[in-house]
Amino acid sequence: HGIERKLDAGQIVIRTARLGEQLSIEIFDDGVGLSERRPNGLGLGNTQQRLHDLYGDKASLEVRSDDGGTTASLRLPVQETVHDE
């Protein structure tokens, strides 16, 4: 989405990390940013509501944008799975 309007090649970077009891996922692109698009579109609103419904305050989705691209930061609670053998 963010790099489709660039005239030259774009870059997308995905970073993941475990921060205590949370999974952190950050996605960055060096596209045109949200200034030319709707910053609070229906999809982002629905996703934020769904995260709140599933995890309450234990999850978040933040989107930041400037002329140099957009970063989406997602935080989710880590849920350990125990397997019986």
PDB file of N, CA and C in Angstrom:
ATOM      1  N   HIS A   1       0.812  -1.200   0.000  1.00  0.00           N
ATOM      2  CA  HIS A   1       0.000   0.000   0.000  1.00  0.00           C
ATOM      3  C   HIS A   1       0.849   1.255   0.000  1.00  0.00           C
ATOM      4  N   GLY A   2       1.767   1.368   0.926  1.00  0.00           N
ATOM      5  CA  GLY A   2       2.525   2.596   1.100  1.00  0.00           C
ATOM      6  C   GLY A   2       3.564   2.851   0.033  1.00  0.00           C
ATOM      7  N   ILE A   3       4.025   1.793  -0.631  1.00  0.00           N
ATOM      8  CA  ILE A   3       5.057   2.000  -1.639  1.00  0.00           C
ATOM      9  C   ILE A   3       4.506   1.958  -3.059  1.00  0.00           C
ATOM     10  N   GLU A   4       3.230   1.696  -3.226  1.00  0.00           N
ATOM     11  CA  GLU A   4       2.688   1.551  -4.575  1.00  0.00           C
ATOM     12  C   GLU A   4       2.746   2.848  -5.373  1.00  0.00           C
ATOM     13  N   ARG A   5       2.756   3.994  -4.704  1.00  0.00           N
ATOM     14  CA  ARG A   5       2.774   5.275  -5.413  1.00  0.00           C
ATOM     15  C   ARG A   5       4.169   5.845  -5.592  1.00  0.00           C
ATOM     16  N   LYS A   6       5.190   5.122  -5.155  1.00  0.00           N
ATOM     17  CA  LYS A   6       6.563   5.593  -5.334  1.00  0.00           C
ATOM     18  C   LYS A   6       6.982   5.405  -6.787  1.00  0.00           C
ATOM     19  N   LEU A   7       7.780   6.325  -7.276  1.00  0.00           N
ATOM     20  CA  LEU A   7       8.279   6.219  -8.637  1.00  0.00           C
ATOM     21  C   LEU A   7       9.432   5.229  -8.744  1.00  0.00           C
ATOM     22  N   ASP A   8      10.221   5.104  -7.685  1.00  0.00           N
ATOM     23  CA  ASP A   8      11.329   4.163  -7.687  1.00  0.00           C
ATOM     24  C   ASP A   8      10.998   2.975  -6.771  1.00  0.00           C
ATOM     25  N   ALA A   9      11.946   2.088  -6.612  1.00  0.00           N
ATOM     26  CA  ALA A   9      11.738   0.904  -5.775  1.00  0.00           C
ATOM     27  C   ALA A   9      11.509   1.311  -4.328  1.00  0.00           C
ATOM     28  N   GLY A  10      10.688   0.568  -3.636  1.00  0.00           N
ATOM     29  CA  GLY A  10      10.421   0.830  -2.232  1.00  0.00           C
ATOM     30  C   GLY A  10      11.000  -0.256  -1.358  1.00  0.00           C
ATOM     31  N   GLN A  11      10.956  -0.028  -0.063  1.00  0.00           N
ATOM     32  CA  GLN A  11      11.491  -0.979   0.902  1.00  0.00           C
ATOM     33  C   GLN A  11      10.469  -1.206   1.997  1.00  0.00           C
ATOM     34  N   ILE A  12      10.327  -2.461   2.389  1.00  0.00           N
ATOM     35  CA  ILE A  12       9.484  -2.840   3.521  1.00  0.00           C
ATOM     36  C   ILE A  12      10.366  -3.613   4.497  1.00  0.00           C
ATOM     37  N   VAL A  13      10.344  -3.210   5.764  1.00  0.00           N
ATOM     38  CA  VAL A  13      11.138  -3.873   6.801  1.00  0.00           C
ATOM     39  C   VAL A  13      10.179  -4.374   7.871  1.00  0.00           C
ATOM     40  N   ILE A  14      10.360  -5.632   8.275  1.00  0.00           N
ATOM     41  CA  ILE A  14       9.534  -6.237   9.331  1.00  0.00           C
ATOM     42  C   ILE A  14      10.462  -6.653  10.468  1.00  0.00           C
ATOM     43  N   ARG A  15      10.149  -6.196  11.672  1.00  0.00           N
ATOM     44  CA  ARG A  15      10.927  -6.550  12.864  1.00  0.00           C
ATOM     45  C   ARG A  15      10.003  -7.201  13.883  1.00  0.00           C
ATOM     46  N   THR A  16      10.471  -8.258  14.491  1.00  0.00           N
ATOM     47  CA  THR A  16       9.706  -8.907  15.554  1.00  0.00           C
ATOM     48  C   THR A  16      10.608  -9.096  16.771  1.00  0.00           C
ATOM     49  N   ALA A  17      10.008  -9.051  17.942  1.00  0.00           N
ATOM     50  CA  ALA A  17      10.754  -9.278  19.174  1.00  0.00           C
ATOM     51  C   ALA A  17       9.771  -9.646  20.275  1.00  0.00           C
ATOM     52  N   ARG A  18      10.265 -10.409  21.214  1.00  0.00           N
ATOM     53  CA  ARG A  18       9.492 -10.668  22.421  1.00  0.00           C
ATOM     54  C   ARG A  18       9.965  -9.691  23.480  1.00  0.00           C
ATOM     55  N   LEU A  19       9.022  -8.938  24.026  1.00  0.00           N
ATOM     56  CA  LEU A  19       9.314  -7.968  25.078  1.00  0.00           C
ATOM     57  C   LEU A  19       8.552  -8.387  26.324  1.00  0.00           C
ATOM     58  N   GLY A  20       9.201  -9.174  27.145  1.00  0.00           N
ATOM     59  CA  GLY A  20       8.524  -9.695  28.332  1.00  0.00           C
ATOM     60  C   GLY A  20       7.390 -10.610  27.931  1.00  0.00           C
ATOM     61  N   GLU A  21       6.193 -10.246  28.296  1.00  0.00           N
ATOM     62  CA  GLU A  21       5.012 -11.061  27.987  1.00  0.00           C
ATOM     63  C   GLU A  21       4.270 -10.568  26.747  1.00  0.00           C
ATOM     64  N   GLN A  22       4.968  -9.775  25.916  1.00  0.00           N
ATOM     65  CA  GLN A  22       4.342  -9.280  24.694  1.00  0.00           C
ATOM     66  C   GLN A  22       5.185  -9.606  23.474  1.00  0.00           C
ATOM     67  N   LEU A  23       4.499  -9.836  22.359  1.00  0.00           N
ATOM     68  CA  LEU A  23       5.133  -9.970  21.061  1.00  0.00           C
ATOM     69  C   LEU A  23       5.027  -8.617  20.373  1.00  0.00           C
ATOM     70  N   SER A  24       6.149  -8.097  19.915  1.00  0.00           N
ATOM     71  CA  SER A  24       6.189  -6.820  19.216  1.00  0.00           C
ATOM     72  C   SER A  24       6.449  -7.081  17.738  1.00  0.00           C
ATOM     73  N   ILE A  25       5.606  -6.521  16.884  1.00  0.00           N
ATOM     74  CA  ILE A  25       5.782  -6.618  15.438  1.00  0.00           C
ATOM     75  C   ILE A  25       5.740  -5.203  14.890  1.00  0.00           C
ATOM     76  N   GLU A  26       6.794  -4.811  14.184  1.00  0.00           N
ATOM     77  CA  GLU A  26       6.841  -3.494  13.559  1.00  0.00           C
ATOM     78  C   GLU A  26       7.051  -3.674  12.062  1.00  0.00           C
ATOM     79  N   ILE A  27       6.259  -2.971  11.286  1.00  0.00           N
ATOM     80  CA  ILE A  27       6.364  -3.014   9.836  1.00  0.00           C
ATOM     81  C   ILE A  27       6.567  -1.583   9.353  1.00  0.00           C
ATOM     82  N   PHE A  28       7.662  -1.361   8.631  1.00  0.00           N
ATOM     83  CA  PHE A  28       8.005  -0.038   8.133  1.00  0.00           C
ATOM     84  C   PHE A  28       8.089  -0.067   6.619  1.00  0.00           C
ATOM     85  N   ASP A  29       7.560   0.971   5.981  1.00  0.00           N
ATOM     86  CA  ASP A  29       7.809   1.146   4.551  1.00  0.00           C
ATOM     87  C   ASP A  29       8.285   2.569   4.309  1.00  0.00           C
ATOM     88  N   ASP A  30       9.035   2.752   3.236  1.00  0.00           N
ATOM     89  CA  ASP A  30       9.571   4.079   2.923  1.00  0.00           C
ATOM     90  C   ASP A  30       8.771   4.752   1.807  1.00  0.00           C
ATOM     91  N   GLY A  31       7.471   4.504   1.817  1.00  0.00           N
ATOM     92  CA  GLY A  31       6.582   5.047   0.795  1.00  0.00           C
ATOM     93  C   GLY A  31       6.188   6.493   1.051  1.00  0.00           C
ATOM     94  N   VAL A  32       5.072   6.871   0.474  1.00  0.00           N
ATOM     95  CA  VAL A  32       4.624   8.268   0.521  1.00  0.00           C
ATOM     96  C   VAL A  32       4.006   8.654   1.852  1.00  0.00           C
ATOM     97  N   GLY A  33       3.774   7.720   2.725  1.00  0.00           N
ATOM     98  CA  GLY A  33       3.165   8.019   4.020  1.00  0.00           C
ATOM     99  C   GLY A  33       1.654   8.112   3.914  1.00  0.00           C
ATOM    100  N   LEU A  34       1.012   8.346   5.039  1.00  0.00           N
ATOM    101  CA  LEU A  34      -0.447   8.410   5.078  1.00  0.00           C
ATOM    102  C   LEU A  34      -0.993   9.797   4.775  1.00  0.00           C
ATOM    103  N   SER A  35      -0.129  10.767   4.624  1.00  0.00           N
ATOM    104  CA  SER A  35      -0.611  12.133   4.410  1.00  0.00           C
ATOM    105  C   SER A  35      -1.463  12.242   3.145  1.00  0.00           C
ATOM    106  N   GLU A  36      -1.217  11.407   2.154  1.00  0.00           N
ATOM    107  CA  GLU A  36      -1.990  11.447   0.920  1.00  0.00           C
ATOM    108  C   GLU A  36      -3.163  10.468   0.948  1.00  0.00           C
ATOM    109  N   ARG A  37      -3.265   9.698   2.000  1.00  0.00           N
ATOM    110  CA  ARG A  37      -4.325   8.702   2.119  1.00  0.00           C
ATOM    111  C   ARG A  37      -5.084   8.955   3.403  1.00  0.00           C
ATOM    112  N   ARG A  38      -6.166   8.225   3.604  1.00  0.00           N
ATOM    113  CA  ARG A  38      -6.925   8.370   4.852  1.00  0.00           C
ATOM    114  C   ARG A  38      -6.150   7.731   5.992  1.00  0.00           C
ATOM    115  N   PRO A  39      -5.728   8.520   6.993  1.00  0.00           N
ATOM    116  CA  PRO A  39      -4.923   7.964   8.077  1.00  0.00           C
ATOM    117  C   PRO A  39      -5.704   7.032   8.999  1.00  0.00           C
ATOM    118  N   ASN A  40      -7.003   7.183   9.103  1.00  0.00           N
ATOM    119  CA  ASN A  40      -7.802   6.347  10.000  1.00  0.00           C
ATOM    120  C   ASN A  40      -8.896   5.652   9.199  1.00  0.00           C
ATOM    121  N   GLY A  41      -8.490   4.797   8.304  1.00  0.00           N
ATOM    122  CA  GLY A  41      -9.440   4.114   7.445  1.00  0.00           C
ATOM    123  C   GLY A  41     -10.244   3.061   8.179  1.00  0.00           C
ATOM    124  N   LEU A  42     -11.211   2.525   7.504  1.00  0.00           N
ATOM    125  CA  LEU A  42     -12.104   1.522   8.070  1.00  0.00           C
ATOM    126  C   LEU A  42     -11.348   0.269   8.511  1.00  0.00           C
ATOM    127  N   GLY A  43     -10.390  -0.169   7.702  1.00  0.00           N
ATOM    128  CA  GLY A  43      -9.632  -1.380   8.038  1.00  0.00           C
ATOM    129  C   GLY A  43      -8.842  -1.248   9.329  1.00  0.00           C
ATOM    130  N   LEU A  44      -8.159  -0.114   9.513  1.00  0.00           N
ATOM    131  CA  LEU A  44      -7.396   0.106  10.748  1.00  0.00           C
ATOM    132  C   LEU A  44      -8.318   0.181  11.955  1.00  0.00           C
ATOM    133  N   GLY A  45      -9.429   0.873  11.809  1.00  0.00           N
ATOM    134  CA  GLY A  45     -10.386   0.965  12.909  1.00  0.00           C
ATOM    135  C   GLY A  45     -10.949  -0.388  13.297  1.00  0.00           C
ATOM    136  N   ASN A  46     -11.297  -1.191  12.300  1.00  0.00           N
ATOM    137  CA  ASN A  46     -11.815  -2.539  12.564  1.00  0.00           C
ATOM    138  C   ASN A  46     -10.768  -3.412  13.242  1.00  0.00           C
ATOM    139  N   THR A  47      -9.523  -3.300  12.783  1.00  0.00           N
ATOM    140  CA  THR A  47      -8.448  -4.101  13.375  1.00  0.00           C
ATOM    141  C   THR A  47      -8.205  -3.696  14.821  1.00  0.00           C
ATOM    142  N   GLN A  48      -8.182  -2.402  15.098  1.00  0.00           N
ATOM    143  CA  GLN A  48      -7.986  -1.940  16.473  1.00  0.00           C
ATOM    144  C   GLN A  48      -9.133  -2.395  17.375  1.00  0.00           C
ATOM    145  N   GLN A  49     -10.354  -2.342  16.879  1.00  0.00           N
ATOM    146  CA  GLN A  49     -11.503  -2.791  17.669  1.00  0.00           C
ATOM    147  C   GLN A  49     -11.433  -4.287  17.933  1.00  0.00           C
ATOM    148  N   ARG A  50     -11.049  -5.047  16.924  1.00  0.00           N
ATOM    149  CA  ARG A  50     -10.945  -6.509  17.080  1.00  0.00           C
ATOM    150  C   ARG A  50      -9.880  -6.870  18.112  1.00  0.00           C
ATOM    151  N   LEU A  51      -8.735  -6.188  18.055  1.00  0.00           N
ATOM    152  CA  LEU A  51      -7.688  -6.425  19.051  1.00  0.00           C
ATOM    153  C   LEU A  51      -8.186  -6.111  20.454  1.00  0.00           C
ATOM    154  N   HIS A  52      -8.900  -5.013  20.602  1.00  0.00           N
ATOM    155  CA  HIS A  52      -9.444  -4.652  21.914  1.00  0.00           C
ATOM    156  C   HIS A  52     -10.457  -5.694  22.386  1.00  0.00           C
ATOM    157  N   ASP A  53     -11.321  -6.162  21.488  1.00  0.00           N
ATOM    158  CA  ASP A  53     -12.307  -7.178  21.856  1.00  0.00           C
ATOM    159  C   ASP A  53     -11.637  -8.476  22.303  1.00  0.00           C
ATOM    160  N   LEU A  54     -10.549  -8.854  21.643  1.00  0.00           N
ATOM    161  CA  LEU A  54      -9.870 -10.114  21.969  1.00  0.00           C
ATOM    162  C   LEU A  54      -8.968 -10.017  23.195  1.00  0.00           C
ATOM    163  N   TYR A  55      -8.238  -8.892  23.325  1.00  0.00           N
ATOM    164  CA  TYR A  55      -7.186  -8.809  24.334  1.00  0.00           C
ATOM    165  C   TYR A  55      -7.314  -7.646  25.308  1.00  0.00           C
ATOM    166  N   GLY A  56      -8.292  -6.783  25.131  1.00  0.00           N
ATOM    167  CA  GLY A  56      -8.428  -5.627  26.015  1.00  0.00           C
ATOM    168  C   GLY A  56      -7.219  -4.715  25.893  1.00  0.00           C
ATOM    169  N   ASP A  57      -6.721  -4.262  27.035  1.00  0.00           N
ATOM    170  CA  ASP A  57      -5.567  -3.354  27.053  1.00  0.00           C
ATOM    171  C   ASP A  57      -4.236  -4.076  26.871  1.00  0.00           C
ATOM    172  N   LYS A  58      -4.257  -5.390  26.689  1.00  0.00           N
ATOM    173  CA  LYS A  58      -3.018  -6.158  26.530  1.00  0.00           C
ATOM    174  C   LYS A  58      -2.485  -6.138  25.102  1.00  0.00           C
ATOM    175  N   ALA A  59      -3.222  -5.531  24.168  1.00  0.00           N
ATOM    176  CA  ALA A  59      -2.783  -5.449  22.774  1.00  0.00           C
ATOM    177  C   ALA A  59      -2.972  -4.032  22.259  1.00  0.00           C
ATOM    178  N   SER A  60      -2.197  -3.691  21.240  1.00  0.00           N
ATOM    179  CA  SER A  60      -2.346  -2.367  20.638  1.00  0.00           C
ATOM    180  C   SER A  60      -1.864  -2.384  19.194  1.00  0.00           C
ATOM    181  N   LEU A  61      -2.379  -1.451  18.429  1.00  0.00           N
ATOM    182  CA  LEU A  61      -1.925  -1.209  17.067  1.00  0.00           C
ATOM    183  C   LEU A  61      -1.811   0.292  16.890  1.00  0.00           C
ATOM    184  N   GLU A  62      -0.610   0.746  16.582  1.00  0.00           N
ATOM    185  CA  GLU A  62      -0.370   2.169  16.355  1.00  0.00           C
ATOM    186  C   GLU A  62       0.241   2.332  14.970  1.00  0.00           C
ATOM    187  N   VAL A  63      -0.198   3.362  14.265  1.00  0.00           N
ATOM    188  CA  VAL A  63       0.336   3.658  12.943  1.00  0.00           C
ATOM    189  C   VAL A  63       0.848   5.090  12.961  1.00  0.00           C
ATOM    190  N   ARG A  64       2.120   5.247  12.596  1.00  0.00           N
ATOM    191  CA  ARG A  64       2.750   6.563  12.522  1.00  0.00           C
ATOM    192  C   ARG A  64       3.226   6.782  11.093  1.00  0.00           C
ATOM    193  N   SER A  65       3.107   8.003  10.638  1.00  0.00           N
ATOM    194  CA  SER A  65       3.490   8.284   9.267  1.00  0.00           C
ATOM    195  C   SER A  65       4.085   9.671   9.139  1.00  0.00           C
ATOM    196  N   ASP A  66       5.000   9.808   8.193  1.00  0.00           N
ATOM    197  CA  ASP A  66       5.534  11.115   7.817  1.00  0.00           C
ATOM    198  C   ASP A  66       5.849  11.064   6.329  1.00  0.00           C
ATOM    199  N   ASP A  67       6.535  12.056   5.840  1.00  0.00           N
ATOM    200  CA  ASP A  67       6.854  12.085   4.414  1.00  0.00           C
ATOM    201  C   ASP A  67       7.838  10.998   4.005  1.00  0.00           C
ATOM    202  N   GLY A  68       8.469  10.351   4.976  1.00  0.00           N
ATOM    203  CA  GLY A  68       9.456   9.321   4.682  1.00  0.00           C
ATOM    204  C   GLY A  68       8.942   7.914   4.860  1.00  0.00           C
ATOM    205  N   GLY A  69       7.639   7.720   5.012  1.00  0.00           N
ATOM    206  CA  GLY A  69       7.106   6.377   5.129  1.00  0.00           C
ATOM    207  C   GLY A  69       6.126   6.223   6.268  1.00  0.00           C
ATOM    208  N   THR A  70       5.804   4.983   6.548  1.00  0.00           N
ATOM    209  CA  THR A  70       4.815   4.644   7.572  1.00  0.00           C
ATOM    210  C   THR A  70       5.336   3.476   8.398  1.00  0.00           C
ATOM    211  N   THR A  71       5.065   3.519   9.701  1.00  0.00           N
ATOM    212  CA  THR A  71       5.406   2.417  10.594  1.00  0.00           C
ATOM    213  C   THR A  71       4.144   1.967  11.319  1.00  0.00           C
ATOM    214  N   ALA A  72       3.857   0.677  11.240  1.00  0.00           N
ATOM    215  CA  ALA A  72       2.763   0.073  12.000  1.00  0.00           C
ATOM    216  C   ALA A  72       3.392  -0.756  13.117  1.00  0.00           C
ATOM    217  N   SER A  73       2.978  -0.489  14.360  1.00  0.00           N
ATOM    218  CA  SER A  73       3.498  -1.204  15.531  1.00  0.00           C
ATOM    219  C   SER A  73       2.363  -1.983  16.175  1.00  0.00           C
ATOM    220  N   LEU A  74       2.535  -3.280  16.246  1.00  0.00           N
ATOM    221  CA  LEU A  74       1.534  -4.182  16.808  1.00  0.00           C
ATOM    222  C   LEU A  74       2.104  -4.846  18.043  1.00  0.00           C
ATOM    223  N   ARG A  75       1.348  -4.839  19.124  1.00  0.00           N
ATOM    224  CA  ARG A  75       1.737  -5.529  20.361  1.00  0.00           C
ATOM    225  C   ARG A  75       0.639  -6.526  20.711  1.00  0.00           C
ATOM    226  N   LEU A  76       1.044  -7.764  20.961  1.00  0.00           N
ATOM    227  CA  LEU A  76       0.109  -8.832  21.315  1.00  0.00           C
ATOM    228  C   LEU A  76       0.620  -9.559  22.546  1.00  0.00           C
ATOM    229  N   PRO A  77      -0.288 -10.035  23.404  1.00  0.00           N
ATOM    230  CA  PRO A  77       0.172 -10.830  24.547  1.00  0.00           C
ATOM    231  C   PRO A  77       0.675 -12.193  24.067  1.00  0.00           C
ATOM    232  N   VAL A  78       1.739 -12.660  24.702  1.00  0.00           N
ATOM    233  CA  VAL A  78       2.283 -13.986  24.395  1.00  0.00           C
ATOM    234  C   VAL A  78       1.459 -15.011  25.154  1.00  0.00           C
ATOM    235  N   GLN A  79       0.999 -16.006  24.432  1.00  0.00           N
ATOM    236  CA  GLN A  79       0.234 -17.086  25.064  1.00  0.00           C
ATOM    237  C   GLN A  79       1.018 -18.378  24.878  1.00  0.00           C
ATOM    238  N   GLU A  80       1.497 -18.896  25.984  1.00  0.00           N
ATOM    239  CA  GLU A  80       2.264 -20.144  25.942  1.00  0.00           C
ATOM    240  C   GLU A  80       1.314 -21.317  25.758  1.00  0.00           C
ATOM    241  N   THR A  81       1.728 -22.276  24.963  1.00  0.00           N
ATOM    242  CA  THR A  81       0.947 -23.483  24.743  1.00  0.00           C
ATOM    243  C   THR A  81       1.674 -24.654  25.378  1.00  0.00           C
ATOM    244  N   VAL A  82       0.973 -25.402  26.191  1.00  0.00           N
ATOM    245  CA  VAL A  82       1.544 -26.574  26.838  1.00  0.00           C
ATOM    246  C   VAL A  82       1.029 -27.806  26.114  1.00  0.00           C
ATOM    247  N   HIS A  83       1.962 -28.662  25.691  1.00  0.00           N
ATOM    248  CA  HIS A  83       1.596 -29.880  24.999  1.00  0.00           C
ATOM    249  C   HIS A  83       1.774 -31.068  25.934  1.00  0.00           C
ATOM    250  N   ASP A  84       0.722 -31.852  26.101  1.00  0.00           N
ATOM    251  CA  ASP A  84       0.817 -33.088  26.877  1.00  0.00           C
ATOM    252  C   ASP A  84       1.345 -34.195  25.981  1.00  0.00           C
ATOM    253  N   GLU A  85       2.259 -34.966  26.507  1.00  0.00           N
ATOM    254  CA  GLU A  85       2.791 -36.071  25.700  1.00  0.00           C
ATOM    255  C   GLU A  85       2.454 -37.385  26.336  1.00  0.00           C
TER     256      GLU A  85
END
